[in-house]
Amino acid sequence: MVDQYPRTTRTTMRRRAKRATYDAETIHAIFDEALIASVAVAIDGAPHVQPMIHARIGSDLILHGLATNRLLNAIANGAEACINVMIIDAMAVCRRIEDHSMLYRSATVYGRGRTVEDEAEKQAIMTHVFESLVGKSRTAVLPPLPDGYLGGTMIVVVPIDEAVGKVNSSVSTETGPDGVWSGFVPVKVAYGEPRPDDRTVGEGLAPPSDLTPRG
């Protein structure tokens, strides 16, 4: 696995270039924390974008959906994808209108994907996707997927070969007139307390401690 992704024509930032990062660990961490990826591809010459649940395994991004999903089928048939995630960390509230901004982390990957056909590989990948969302402890206590269930699921693996991150972690908020509040308003995706359904209440069960691994 590489430590730094190479700069390409598409990943070289020209405006605010100091915010760009090609550090693999940083880019991977952004994808791991983000809950949803925007997946874009051209189909019949027209742009299409779709929000998708994603997961990362090593230097690969995993996308999945119904086998009939038009966007996934386009990627599976050779179309190049652009995959982006973004995390807002804070609103930068400044003393002049034009200075307002956000603190954020984003990452973008360009690439072509391959479909996974082997049943054992599909099972292993979907187990990883499932556990990345709801924790590893549930896998052992739930019944296995019915035979043939994954036959209706398409899995596309997109190697992270061409990637760039963009991190804005510092904004000057103090320039401007006196007597105007300025500073930062933190923004966070927060998980609330798990709410059991009636059957769970009746059984007196406590939620797993790893129920929200991305939280």
N, C-alpha and C. Protein backbone atom coordinates (compact mmCIF):
# COMPACT_ATOMS: atom_id res chain seq x y z
N MET A 1 0.85 -1.19 0.00
CA MET A 1 0.00 0.00 0.00
C MET A 1 0.89 1.24 0.00
N VAL A 2 0.55 2.21 -0.83
CA VAL A 2 1.38 3.41 -0.96
C VAL A 2 1.19 4.33 0.24
N ASP A 3 2.20 5.17 0.49
CA ASP A 3 2.08 6.20 1.53
C ASP A 3 1.51 7.50 0.96
N GLN A 4 1.85 7.78 -0.30
CA GLN A 4 1.39 9.00 -0.97
C GLN A 4 0.83 8.63 -2.34
N TYR A 5 -0.30 9.23 -2.70
CA TYR A 5 -0.82 9.02 -4.04
C TYR A 5 -0.17 10.03 -4.99
N PRO A 6 0.15 9.61 -6.21
CA PRO A 6 0.79 10.52 -7.16
C PRO A 6 -0.16 11.62 -7.59
N ARG A 7 0.39 12.79 -7.83
CA ARG A 7 -0.42 13.89 -8.37
C ARG A 7 -0.64 13.66 -9.86
N THR A 8 -1.86 13.85 -10.28
CA THR A 8 -2.18 13.75 -11.69
C THR A 8 -2.80 15.07 -12.13
N THR A 9 -3.07 15.18 -13.42
CA THR A 9 -3.70 16.39 -13.92
C THR A 9 -5.02 16.65 -13.21
N ARG A 10 -5.77 15.59 -12.93
CA ARG A 10 -7.08 15.75 -12.30
C ARG A 10 -7.01 15.99 -10.80
N THR A 11 -5.97 15.50 -10.16
CA THR A 11 -5.92 15.64 -8.71
C THR A 11 -5.05 16.80 -8.24
N THR A 12 -4.39 17.47 -9.17
CA THR A 12 -3.56 18.62 -8.79
C THR A 12 -4.45 19.83 -8.57
N MET A 13 -4.47 20.35 -7.36
CA MET A 13 -5.30 21.51 -7.04
C MET A 13 -4.53 22.79 -7.37
N ARG A 14 -5.20 23.71 -8.02
CA ARG A 14 -4.57 24.96 -8.43
C ARG A 14 -5.01 26.14 -7.56
N ARG A 15 -6.21 26.08 -7.05
CA ARG A 15 -6.69 27.12 -6.14
C ARG A 15 -6.69 26.57 -4.72
N ARG A 16 -6.14 27.34 -3.81
CA ARG A 16 -5.98 26.88 -2.42
C ARG A 16 -5.25 25.54 -2.38
N ALA A 17 -4.14 25.48 -3.13
CA ALA A 17 -3.41 24.21 -3.28
C ALA A 17 -2.87 23.69 -1.95
N LYS A 18 -2.66 24.57 -0.99
CA LYS A 18 -2.12 24.12 0.30
C LYS A 18 -3.11 23.23 1.06
N ARG A 19 -4.37 23.26 0.66
CA ARG A 19 -5.37 22.41 1.32
C ARG A 19 -5.35 20.98 0.79
N ALA A 20 -4.67 20.76 -0.30
CA ALA A 20 -4.64 19.42 -0.90
C ALA A 20 -3.75 18.49 -0.10
N THR A 21 -4.13 17.24 -0.04
CA THR A 21 -3.29 16.21 0.56
C THR A 21 -3.34 14.96 -0.29
N TYR A 22 -2.20 14.33 -0.43
CA TYR A 22 -2.11 13.07 -1.17
C TYR A 22 -1.68 11.94 -0.24
N ASP A 23 -1.73 12.23 1.05
CA ASP A 23 -1.35 11.25 2.07
C ASP A 23 -2.40 10.15 2.14
N ALA A 24 -1.97 8.92 1.90
CA ALA A 24 -2.91 7.80 1.83
C ALA A 24 -3.64 7.60 3.15
N GLU A 25 -2.95 7.69 4.26
CA GLU A 25 -3.59 7.48 5.56
C GLU A 25 -4.70 8.49 5.81
N THR A 26 -4.44 9.76 5.44
CA THR A 26 -5.44 10.81 5.63
C THR A 26 -6.66 10.56 4.74
N ILE A 27 -6.42 10.24 3.48
CA ILE A 27 -7.51 9.99 2.54
C ILE A 27 -8.33 8.78 2.97
N HIS A 28 -7.66 7.72 3.39
CA HIS A 28 -8.38 6.53 3.85
C HIS A 28 -9.24 6.85 5.07
N ALA A 29 -8.71 7.63 5.99
CA ALA A 29 -9.45 7.96 7.22
C ALA A 29 -10.71 8.76 6.91
N ILE A 30 -10.64 9.64 5.91
CA ILE A 30 -11.82 10.43 5.53
C ILE A 30 -12.89 9.50 4.97
N PHE A 31 -12.51 8.59 4.09
CA PHE A 31 -13.48 7.64 3.55
C PHE A 31 -14.05 6.74 4.65
N ASP A 32 -13.22 6.35 5.60
CA ASP A 32 -13.69 5.46 6.67
C ASP A 32 -14.71 6.15 7.58
N GLU A 33 -14.55 7.46 7.80
CA GLU A 33 -15.45 8.17 8.69
C GLU A 33 -16.75 8.57 8.01
N ALA A 34 -16.68 8.92 6.74
CA ALA A 34 -17.86 9.38 6.02
C ALA A 34 -18.89 8.26 5.88
N LEU A 35 -20.16 8.61 6.01
CA LEU A 35 -21.22 7.61 5.95
C LEU A 35 -21.71 7.35 4.53
N ILE A 36 -21.67 8.35 3.68
CA ILE A 36 -22.23 8.25 2.34
C ILE A 36 -21.23 8.81 1.33
N ALA A 37 -21.11 8.14 0.19
CA ALA A 37 -20.26 8.63 -0.91
C ALA A 37 -21.15 9.06 -2.07
N SER A 38 -20.76 10.15 -2.73
CA SER A 38 -21.41 10.55 -3.97
C SER A 38 -20.63 9.92 -5.12
N VAL A 39 -21.30 9.06 -5.87
CA VAL A 39 -20.66 8.32 -6.97
C VAL A 39 -21.18 8.88 -8.29
N ALA A 40 -20.26 9.39 -9.11
CA ALA A 40 -20.64 10.02 -10.37
C ALA A 40 -20.04 9.26 -11.54
N VAL A 41 -20.80 9.19 -12.63
CA VAL A 41 -20.34 8.50 -13.84
C VAL A 41 -21.14 9.06 -15.01
N ALA A 42 -20.56 9.02 -16.19
CA ALA A 42 -21.27 9.43 -17.40
C ALA A 42 -21.93 8.20 -18.03
N ILE A 43 -23.24 8.31 -18.32
CA ILE A 43 -23.99 7.23 -18.95
C ILE A 43 -24.62 7.79 -20.22
N ASP A 44 -24.27 7.21 -21.35
CA ASP A 44 -24.77 7.68 -22.64
C ASP A 44 -24.49 9.18 -22.82
N GLY A 45 -23.33 9.60 -22.37
CA GLY A 45 -22.92 10.98 -22.56
C GLY A 45 -23.51 11.98 -21.58
N ALA A 46 -24.33 11.51 -20.64
CA ALA A 46 -24.96 12.40 -19.66
C ALA A 46 -24.43 12.09 -18.26
N PRO A 47 -24.22 13.14 -17.44
CA PRO A 47 -23.70 12.89 -16.09
C PRO A 47 -24.77 12.33 -15.16
N HIS A 48 -24.36 11.39 -14.31
CA HIS A 48 -25.25 10.82 -13.30
C HIS A 48 -24.49 10.77 -11.99
N VAL A 49 -25.16 11.06 -10.89
CA VAL A 49 -24.55 10.96 -9.57
C VAL A 49 -25.56 10.33 -8.63
N GLN A 50 -25.06 9.50 -7.72
CA GLN A 50 -25.94 8.78 -6.80
C GLN A 50 -25.25 8.62 -5.45
N PRO A 51 -25.97 8.89 -4.35
CA PRO A 51 -25.39 8.62 -3.03
C PRO A 51 -25.38 7.13 -2.77
N MET A 52 -24.28 6.63 -2.22
CA MET A 52 -24.15 5.20 -1.98
C MET A 52 -23.45 4.94 -0.65
N ILE A 53 -23.86 3.86 0.00
CA ILE A 53 -23.08 3.34 1.12
C ILE A 53 -21.78 2.78 0.56
N HIS A 54 -20.69 3.07 1.21
CA HIS A 54 -19.39 2.60 0.74
C HIS A 54 -18.62 2.01 1.92
N ALA A 55 -17.59 1.29 1.60
CA ALA A 55 -16.66 0.80 2.60
C ALA A 55 -15.29 0.71 1.96
N ARG A 56 -14.26 0.67 2.79
CA ARG A 56 -12.89 0.55 2.28
C ARG A 56 -12.28 -0.74 2.80
N ILE A 57 -11.64 -1.48 1.92
CA ILE A 57 -10.85 -2.64 2.31
C ILE A 57 -9.45 -2.42 1.74
N GLY A 58 -8.52 -2.10 2.61
CA GLY A 58 -7.16 -1.81 2.15
C GLY A 58 -7.15 -0.61 1.22
N SER A 59 -6.67 -0.81 0.00
CA SER A 59 -6.60 0.28 -0.97
C SER A 59 -7.72 0.18 -2.00
N ASP A 60 -8.84 -0.44 -1.62
CA ASP A 60 -10.00 -0.56 -2.50
C ASP A 60 -11.22 0.09 -1.87
N LEU A 61 -12.04 0.74 -2.70
CA LEU A 61 -13.35 1.19 -2.27
C LEU A 61 -14.38 0.17 -2.74
N ILE A 62 -15.35 -0.12 -1.88
CA ILE A 62 -16.38 -1.09 -2.18
C ILE A 62 -17.72 -0.38 -2.36
N LEU A 63 -18.36 -0.61 -3.51
CA LEU A 63 -19.70 -0.12 -3.76
C LEU A 63 -20.61 -1.32 -3.98
N HIS A 64 -21.86 -1.21 -3.55
CA HIS A 64 -22.77 -2.33 -3.78
C HIS A 64 -24.19 -1.81 -3.96
N GLY A 65 -25.01 -2.62 -4.59
CA GLY A 65 -26.41 -2.27 -4.80
C GLY A 65 -27.10 -3.39 -5.53
N LEU A 66 -28.33 -3.14 -5.94
CA LEU A 66 -29.06 -4.14 -6.72
C LEU A 66 -28.32 -4.44 -8.03
N ALA A 67 -28.42 -5.67 -8.46
CA ALA A 67 -27.76 -6.06 -9.71
C ALA A 67 -28.29 -5.28 -10.91
N THR A 68 -29.46 -4.67 -10.75
CA THR A 68 -30.06 -3.89 -11.83
C THR A 68 -29.70 -2.41 -11.76
N ASN A 69 -28.91 -2.01 -10.77
CA ASN A 69 -28.56 -0.60 -10.60
C ASN A 69 -27.83 -0.07 -11.84
N ARG A 70 -28.40 0.96 -12.46
CA ARG A 70 -27.87 1.45 -13.72
C ARG A 70 -26.46 2.03 -13.58
N LEU A 71 -26.22 2.76 -12.51
CA LEU A 71 -24.92 3.39 -12.32
C LEU A 71 -23.85 2.34 -12.06
N LEU A 72 -24.14 1.38 -11.21
CA LEU A 72 -23.17 0.32 -10.94
C LEU A 72 -22.88 -0.49 -12.20
N ASN A 73 -23.91 -0.75 -12.98
CA ASN A 73 -23.70 -1.49 -14.22
C ASN A 73 -22.81 -0.72 -15.19
N ALA A 74 -22.95 0.59 -15.21
CA ALA A 74 -22.10 1.40 -16.08
C ALA A 74 -20.64 1.26 -15.67
N ILE A 75 -20.38 1.31 -14.36
CA ILE A 75 -19.00 1.16 -13.88
C ILE A 75 -18.49 -0.25 -14.17
N ALA A 76 -19.36 -1.23 -13.94
CA ALA A 76 -18.97 -2.62 -14.19
C ALA A 76 -18.63 -2.86 -15.65
N ASN A 77 -19.23 -2.08 -16.54
CA ASN A 77 -18.99 -2.25 -17.97
C ASN A 77 -17.90 -1.32 -18.51
N GLY A 78 -17.12 -0.72 -17.60
CA GLY A 78 -15.94 0.02 -18.02
C GLY A 78 -15.98 1.51 -17.87
N ALA A 79 -17.12 2.09 -17.48
CA ALA A 79 -17.18 3.54 -17.31
C ALA A 79 -16.34 3.97 -16.12
N GLU A 80 -15.71 5.12 -16.24
CA GLU A 80 -14.88 5.62 -15.16
C GLU A 80 -15.73 6.36 -14.15
N ALA A 81 -15.46 6.14 -12.88
CA ALA A 81 -16.23 6.75 -11.80
C ALA A 81 -15.42 7.83 -11.10
N CYS A 82 -16.13 8.80 -10.57
CA CYS A 82 -15.56 9.80 -9.66
C CYS A 82 -16.33 9.67 -8.36
N ILE A 83 -15.62 9.37 -7.28
CA ILE A 83 -16.25 9.09 -5.99
C ILE A 83 -15.76 10.12 -4.97
N ASN A 84 -16.70 10.79 -4.31
CA ASN A 84 -16.33 11.86 -3.38
C ASN A 84 -17.08 11.70 -2.07
N VAL A 85 -16.38 12.00 -0.97
CA VAL A 85 -17.02 12.13 0.34
C VAL A 85 -16.58 13.44 0.96
N MET A 86 -17.42 13.97 1.86
CA MET A 86 -17.08 15.23 2.52
C MET A 86 -17.62 15.22 3.93
N ILE A 87 -16.83 15.74 4.85
CA ILE A 87 -17.21 15.84 6.26
C ILE A 87 -17.05 17.29 6.68
N ILE A 88 -18.13 17.90 7.17
CA ILE A 88 -18.08 19.27 7.68
C ILE A 88 -17.74 19.22 9.16
N ASP A 89 -16.70 19.95 9.56
CA ASP A 89 -16.28 19.97 10.96
C ASP A 89 -16.75 21.21 11.71
N ALA A 90 -16.90 22.34 11.01
CA ALA A 90 -17.34 23.56 11.69
C ALA A 90 -17.71 24.62 10.67
N MET A 91 -18.60 25.52 11.09
CA MET A 91 -18.87 26.74 10.34
C MET A 91 -17.95 27.83 10.86
N ALA A 92 -17.26 28.50 9.95
CA ALA A 92 -16.40 29.62 10.33
C ALA A 92 -17.21 30.90 10.19
N VAL A 93 -17.54 31.51 11.32
CA VAL A 93 -18.37 32.72 11.36
C VAL A 93 -17.46 33.92 11.53
N CYS A 94 -17.42 34.76 10.51
CA CYS A 94 -16.43 35.83 10.45
C CYS A 94 -17.07 37.21 10.63
N ARG A 95 -16.22 38.23 10.61
CA ARG A 95 -16.67 39.60 10.82
C ARG A 95 -16.97 40.33 9.52
N ARG A 96 -16.75 39.65 8.40
CA ARG A 96 -17.12 40.20 7.11
C ARG A 96 -17.85 39.10 6.33
N ILE A 97 -18.86 39.46 5.57
CA ILE A 97 -19.66 38.46 4.85
C ILE A 97 -18.78 37.58 3.98
N GLU A 98 -17.86 38.21 3.26
CA GLU A 98 -17.07 37.46 2.28
C GLU A 98 -16.07 36.50 2.89
N ASP A 99 -15.83 36.58 4.19
CA ASP A 99 -14.84 35.71 4.84
C ASP A 99 -15.45 34.43 5.41
N HIS A 100 -16.76 34.34 5.48
CA HIS A 100 -17.38 33.15 6.06
C HIS A 100 -16.99 31.89 5.28
N SER A 101 -16.79 30.81 6.01
CA SER A 101 -16.33 29.58 5.36
C SER A 101 -16.71 28.38 6.22
N MET A 102 -16.13 27.25 5.91
CA MET A 102 -16.33 26.01 6.67
C MET A 102 -14.99 25.34 6.90
N LEU A 103 -14.89 24.64 7.99
CA LEU A 103 -13.79 23.70 8.19
C LEU A 103 -14.30 22.34 7.73
N TYR A 104 -13.54 21.67 6.89
CA TYR A 104 -14.03 20.43 6.30
C TYR A 104 -12.88 19.53 5.90
N ARG A 105 -13.25 18.27 5.63
CA ARG A 105 -12.33 17.28 5.06
C ARG A 105 -13.06 16.57 3.93
N SER A 106 -12.44 16.50 2.78
CA SER A 106 -13.06 15.78 1.67
C SER A 106 -12.01 14.91 0.99
N ALA A 107 -12.48 13.93 0.24
CA ALA A 107 -11.58 13.05 -0.50
C ALA A 107 -12.27 12.62 -1.78
N THR A 108 -11.49 12.52 -2.84
CA THR A 108 -12.01 12.16 -4.15
C THR A 108 -11.14 11.09 -4.78
N VAL A 109 -11.80 10.10 -5.37
CA VAL A 109 -11.10 9.03 -6.07
C VAL A 109 -11.63 8.96 -7.50
N TYR A 110 -10.72 8.82 -8.45
CA TYR A 110 -11.07 8.56 -9.84
C TYR A 110 -10.64 7.14 -10.17
N GLY A 111 -11.49 6.39 -10.87
CA GLY A 111 -11.05 5.05 -11.22
C GLY A 111 -12.11 4.21 -11.89
N ARG A 112 -11.68 3.07 -12.35
CA ARG A 112 -12.57 2.08 -12.96
C ARG A 112 -12.68 0.89 -12.01
N GLY A 113 -13.80 0.22 -12.07
CA GLY A 113 -14.05 -0.85 -11.11
C GLY A 113 -14.13 -2.22 -11.75
N ARG A 114 -14.14 -3.21 -10.91
CA ARG A 114 -14.36 -4.60 -11.34
C ARG A 114 -15.50 -5.17 -10.52
N THR A 115 -16.26 -6.03 -11.11
CA THR A 115 -17.34 -6.70 -10.38
C THR A 115 -16.80 -7.94 -9.69
N VAL A 116 -17.42 -8.29 -8.60
CA VAL A 116 -17.07 -9.49 -7.84
C VAL A 116 -18.10 -10.57 -8.16
N GLU A 117 -17.65 -11.67 -8.69
CA GLU A 117 -18.55 -12.76 -9.07
C GLU A 117 -18.46 -13.95 -8.12
N ASP A 118 -17.29 -14.18 -7.55
CA ASP A 118 -17.09 -15.33 -6.68
C ASP A 118 -17.95 -15.19 -5.42
N GLU A 119 -18.74 -16.21 -5.10
CA GLU A 119 -19.68 -16.14 -3.99
C GLU A 119 -18.99 -15.97 -2.65
N ALA A 120 -17.88 -16.67 -2.47
CA ALA A 120 -17.16 -16.57 -1.20
C ALA A 120 -16.59 -15.16 -1.01
N GLU A 121 -16.07 -14.58 -2.09
CA GLU A 121 -15.53 -13.23 -2.01
C GLU A 121 -16.65 -12.23 -1.76
N LYS A 122 -17.80 -12.43 -2.42
CA LYS A 122 -18.93 -11.53 -2.20
C LYS A 122 -19.38 -11.59 -0.73
N GLN A 123 -19.43 -12.80 -0.19
CA GLN A 123 -19.85 -12.96 1.20
C GLN A 123 -18.89 -12.25 2.14
N ALA A 124 -17.59 -12.40 1.91
CA ALA A 124 -16.59 -11.77 2.77
C ALA A 124 -16.67 -10.26 2.68
N ILE A 125 -16.84 -9.74 1.47
CA ILE A 125 -16.91 -8.29 1.29
C ILE A 125 -18.16 -7.72 1.94
N MET A 126 -19.31 -8.36 1.74
CA MET A 126 -20.54 -7.83 2.32
C MET A 126 -20.54 -7.95 3.84
N THR A 127 -19.86 -8.95 4.36
CA THR A 127 -19.71 -9.03 5.82
C THR A 127 -18.91 -7.83 6.33
N HIS A 128 -17.86 -7.46 5.60
CA HIS A 128 -17.06 -6.30 5.98
C HIS A 128 -17.90 -5.03 5.91
N VAL A 129 -18.68 -4.87 4.84
CA VAL A 129 -19.53 -3.69 4.71
C VAL A 129 -20.52 -3.62 5.86
N PHE A 130 -21.17 -4.74 6.16
CA PHE A 130 -22.14 -4.80 7.25
C PHE A 130 -21.50 -4.42 8.58
N GLU A 131 -20.34 -5.00 8.86
CA GLU A 131 -19.68 -4.75 10.14
C GLU A 131 -19.15 -3.33 10.24
N SER A 132 -18.82 -2.71 9.10
CA SER A 132 -18.35 -1.33 9.14
C SER A 132 -19.47 -0.37 9.51
N LEU A 133 -20.72 -0.80 9.35
CA LEU A 133 -21.87 0.05 9.65
C LEU A 133 -22.46 -0.21 11.03
N VAL A 134 -22.54 -1.47 11.44
CA VAL A 134 -23.24 -1.79 12.69
C VAL A 134 -22.39 -2.59 13.67
N GLY A 135 -21.11 -2.73 13.42
CA GLY A 135 -20.24 -3.40 14.37
C GLY A 135 -20.08 -4.89 14.12
N LYS A 136 -19.00 -5.43 14.63
CA LYS A 136 -18.67 -6.83 14.39
C LYS A 136 -19.46 -7.79 15.28
N SER A 137 -19.94 -7.30 16.41
CA SER A 137 -20.54 -8.23 17.37
C SER A 137 -21.85 -8.82 16.87
N ARG A 138 -22.54 -8.16 15.93
CA ARG A 138 -23.84 -8.65 15.49
C ARG A 138 -23.72 -9.84 14.54
N THR A 139 -22.60 -9.94 13.83
CA THR A 139 -22.48 -11.00 12.82
C THR A 139 -22.67 -12.39 13.43
N ALA A 140 -22.10 -12.61 14.60
CA ALA A 140 -22.14 -13.95 15.21
C ALA A 140 -23.50 -14.32 15.75
N VAL A 141 -24.37 -13.32 16.03
CA VAL A 141 -25.65 -13.63 16.68
C VAL A 141 -26.83 -13.59 15.70
N LEU A 142 -26.58 -13.23 14.45
CA LEU A 142 -27.65 -13.16 13.46
C LEU A 142 -27.62 -14.39 12.55
N PRO A 143 -28.77 -14.81 12.04
CA PRO A 143 -28.77 -15.95 11.11
C PRO A 143 -28.07 -15.57 9.82
N PRO A 144 -27.44 -16.51 9.13
CA PRO A 144 -26.75 -16.20 7.88
C PRO A 144 -27.73 -15.77 6.80
N LEU A 145 -27.20 -15.13 5.78
CA LEU A 145 -28.04 -14.74 4.65
C LEU A 145 -28.62 -15.98 3.98
N PRO A 146 -29.86 -15.90 3.49
CA PRO A 146 -30.45 -17.05 2.80
C PRO A 146 -29.63 -17.42 1.56
N ASP A 147 -29.63 -18.69 1.22
CA ASP A 147 -28.93 -19.14 0.02
C ASP A 147 -29.42 -18.37 -1.21
N GLY A 148 -28.47 -17.88 -1.98
CA GLY A 148 -28.80 -17.17 -3.21
C GLY A 148 -29.12 -15.71 -3.04
N TYR A 149 -29.14 -15.22 -1.78
CA TYR A 149 -29.52 -13.82 -1.56
C TYR A 149 -28.60 -12.85 -2.28
N LEU A 150 -27.30 -13.12 -2.23
CA LEU A 150 -26.34 -12.21 -2.83
C LEU A 150 -26.34 -12.28 -4.36
N GLY A 151 -27.10 -13.21 -4.92
CA GLY A 151 -27.20 -13.27 -6.37
C GLY A 151 -27.82 -12.02 -6.97
N GLY A 152 -28.64 -11.33 -6.18
CA GLY A 152 -29.26 -10.10 -6.65
C GLY A 152 -28.50 -8.86 -6.29
N THR A 153 -27.30 -9.04 -5.73
CA THR A 153 -26.47 -7.91 -5.31
C THR A 153 -25.25 -7.77 -6.22
N MET A 154 -25.01 -6.57 -6.68
CA MET A 154 -23.79 -6.30 -7.45
C MET A 154 -22.77 -5.62 -6.56
N ILE A 155 -21.56 -6.13 -6.56
CA ILE A 155 -20.45 -5.52 -5.82
C ILE A 155 -19.41 -5.06 -6.82
N VAL A 156 -19.04 -3.79 -6.71
CA VAL A 156 -18.02 -3.21 -7.58
C VAL A 156 -16.86 -2.74 -6.71
N VAL A 157 -15.66 -3.17 -7.05
CA VAL A 157 -14.45 -2.80 -6.33
C VAL A 157 -13.69 -1.77 -7.18
N VAL A 158 -13.47 -0.59 -6.59
CA VAL A 158 -12.73 0.48 -7.29
C VAL A 158 -11.40 0.69 -6.58
N PRO A 159 -10.28 0.35 -7.21
CA PRO A 159 -8.98 0.57 -6.58
C PRO A 159 -8.73 2.06 -6.35
N ILE A 160 -8.16 2.39 -5.19
CA ILE A 160 -7.79 3.77 -4.89
C ILE A 160 -6.38 3.98 -5.44
N ASP A 161 -6.31 4.34 -6.71
CA ASP A 161 -5.02 4.58 -7.36
C ASP A 161 -4.79 6.07 -7.65
N GLU A 162 -5.87 6.78 -7.97
CA GLU A 162 -5.80 8.20 -8.28
C GLU A 162 -6.71 8.93 -7.30
N ALA A 163 -6.12 9.61 -6.33
CA ALA A 163 -6.92 10.17 -5.24
C ALA A 163 -6.30 11.47 -4.73
N VAL A 164 -7.17 12.31 -4.19
CA VAL A 164 -6.73 13.55 -3.55
C VAL A 164 -7.66 13.87 -2.40
N GLY A 165 -7.10 14.37 -1.32
CA GLY A 165 -7.90 14.87 -0.21
C GLY A 165 -7.82 16.38 -0.17
N LYS A 166 -8.79 16.98 0.45
CA LYS A 166 -8.79 18.43 0.63
C LYS A 166 -9.21 18.71 2.06
N VAL A 167 -8.35 19.39 2.79
CA VAL A 167 -8.60 19.63 4.20
C VAL A 167 -8.49 21.12 4.49
N ASN A 168 -9.55 21.71 5.00
CA ASN A 168 -9.54 23.11 5.43
C ASN A 168 -9.71 23.12 6.94
N SER A 169 -8.61 23.25 7.64
CA SER A 169 -8.64 23.14 9.10
C SER A 169 -8.37 24.46 9.80
N SER A 170 -8.21 25.54 9.02
CA SER A 170 -7.88 26.82 9.63
C SER A 170 -8.46 27.96 8.80
N VAL A 171 -9.25 28.79 9.43
CA VAL A 171 -9.81 29.98 8.79
C VAL A 171 -9.63 31.15 9.75
N SER A 172 -9.12 32.27 9.25
CA SER A 172 -8.99 33.46 10.07
C SER A 172 -10.34 34.14 10.19
N THR A 173 -10.82 34.32 11.40
CA THR A 173 -12.15 34.89 11.62
C THR A 173 -12.11 36.29 12.24
N GLU A 174 -10.94 36.80 12.56
CA GLU A 174 -10.86 38.01 13.38
C GLU A 174 -10.77 39.31 12.59
N THR A 175 -10.57 39.25 11.27
CA THR A 175 -10.46 40.46 10.48
C THR A 175 -11.82 41.10 10.27
N GLY A 176 -11.91 42.42 10.52
CA GLY A 176 -13.18 43.11 10.31
C GLY A 176 -13.50 44.07 11.43
N PRO A 177 -14.72 44.59 11.46
CA PRO A 177 -15.09 45.61 12.43
C PRO A 177 -15.19 45.08 13.85
N ASP A 178 -15.05 45.99 14.83
CA ASP A 178 -15.23 45.64 16.23
C ASP A 178 -16.72 45.41 16.52
N GLY A 179 -16.98 44.73 17.62
CA GLY A 179 -18.34 44.58 18.09
C GLY A 179 -19.17 43.55 17.34
N VAL A 180 -18.52 42.67 16.58
CA VAL A 180 -19.22 41.63 15.83
C VAL A 180 -18.70 40.27 16.30
N TRP A 181 -19.60 39.37 16.69
CA TRP A 181 -19.18 38.05 17.17
C TRP A 181 -18.55 37.27 16.02
N SER A 182 -17.44 36.61 16.31
CA SER A 182 -16.79 35.76 15.31
C SER A 182 -16.21 34.54 16.00
N GLY A 183 -16.06 33.47 15.25
CA GLY A 183 -15.53 32.23 15.82
C GLY A 183 -16.01 31.04 15.02
N PHE A 184 -16.17 29.92 15.70
CA PHE A 184 -16.51 28.67 15.02
C PHE A 184 -17.72 28.00 15.66
N VAL A 185 -18.55 27.40 14.83
CA VAL A 185 -19.69 26.61 15.30
C VAL A 185 -19.42 25.17 14.88
N PRO A 186 -19.08 24.30 15.81
CA PRO A 186 -18.78 22.90 15.46
C PRO A 186 -19.99 22.22 14.82
N VAL A 187 -19.71 21.36 13.84
CA VAL A 187 -20.73 20.56 13.18
C VAL A 187 -20.33 19.10 13.33
N LYS A 188 -21.27 18.26 13.76
CA LYS A 188 -20.94 16.86 13.99
C LYS A 188 -22.12 15.98 13.69
N VAL A 189 -21.86 14.86 13.01
CA VAL A 189 -22.87 13.82 12.86
C VAL A 189 -22.86 13.00 14.15
N ALA A 190 -23.96 13.05 14.87
CA ALA A 190 -23.99 12.41 16.18
C ALA A 190 -25.01 11.27 16.20
N TYR A 191 -24.64 10.16 16.79
CA TYR A 191 -25.55 9.05 16.99
C TYR A 191 -26.25 9.23 18.33
N GLY A 192 -27.57 9.09 18.35
CA GLY A 192 -28.30 9.16 19.60
C GLY A 192 -28.29 7.83 20.32
N GLU A 193 -28.96 7.82 21.45
CA GLU A 193 -29.08 6.58 22.21
C GLU A 193 -29.93 5.57 21.42
N PRO A 194 -29.49 4.33 21.30
CA PRO A 194 -30.29 3.32 20.59
C PRO A 194 -31.67 3.17 21.22
N ARG A 195 -32.71 3.10 20.37
CA ARG A 195 -34.09 2.96 20.84
C ARG A 195 -34.60 1.56 20.50
N PRO A 196 -34.80 0.72 21.51
CA PRO A 196 -35.23 -0.67 21.24
C PRO A 196 -36.68 -0.71 20.77
N ASP A 197 -36.99 -1.70 19.94
CA ASP A 197 -38.39 -1.92 19.58
C ASP A 197 -39.08 -2.68 20.72
N ASP A 198 -40.40 -2.87 20.58
CA ASP A 198 -41.16 -3.47 21.68
C ASP A 198 -40.68 -4.88 22.02
N ARG A 199 -40.33 -5.66 20.99
CA ARG A 199 -39.88 -7.03 21.25
C ARG A 199 -38.58 -7.02 22.05
N THR A 200 -37.67 -6.11 21.70
CA THR A 200 -36.39 -6.03 22.41
C THR A 200 -36.60 -5.60 23.85
N VAL A 201 -37.53 -4.65 24.07
CA VAL A 201 -37.84 -4.23 25.44
C VAL A 201 -38.35 -5.42 26.24
N GLY A 202 -39.24 -6.22 25.63
CA GLY A 202 -39.78 -7.37 26.33
C GLY A 202 -38.75 -8.42 26.68
N GLU A 203 -37.71 -8.51 25.85
CA GLU A 203 -36.65 -9.48 26.10
C GLU A 203 -35.55 -8.92 27.00
N GLY A 204 -35.64 -7.64 27.31
CA GLY A 204 -34.68 -7.03 28.23
C GLY A 204 -33.26 -6.99 27.71
N LEU A 205 -33.10 -6.77 26.40
CA LEU A 205 -31.77 -6.81 25.80
C LEU A 205 -31.12 -5.43 25.76
N ALA A 206 -29.82 -5.40 26.01
CA ALA A 206 -29.05 -4.17 25.91
C ALA A 206 -28.41 -4.09 24.52
N PRO A 207 -28.23 -2.89 23.97
CA PRO A 207 -27.62 -2.76 22.65
C PRO A 207 -26.13 -3.10 22.68
N PRO A 208 -25.59 -3.62 21.59
CA PRO A 208 -24.15 -3.89 21.54
C PRO A 208 -23.34 -2.60 21.72
N SER A 209 -22.18 -2.71 22.31
CA SER A 209 -21.36 -1.53 22.54
C SER A 209 -20.74 -0.98 21.27
N ASP A 210 -20.66 -1.81 20.21
CA ASP A 210 -20.04 -1.37 18.96
C ASP A 210 -21.08 -1.14 17.87
N LEU A 211 -22.29 -0.76 18.27
CA LEU A 211 -23.39 -0.64 17.31
C LEU A 211 -23.16 0.44 16.27
N THR A 212 -22.38 1.46 16.59
CA THR A 212 -22.13 2.56 15.65
C THR A 212 -20.62 2.75 15.48
N PRO A 213 -19.97 1.84 14.75
CA PRO A 213 -18.50 1.89 14.64
C PRO A 213 -17.96 3.13 13.95
N ARG A 214 -18.76 3.79 13.10
CA ARG A 214 -18.29 5.01 12.44
C ARG A 214 -18.61 6.26 13.25
N GLY A 215 -19.26 6.09 14.38
CA GLY A 215 -19.64 7.25 15.19
C GLY A 215 -18.50 7.78 16.02
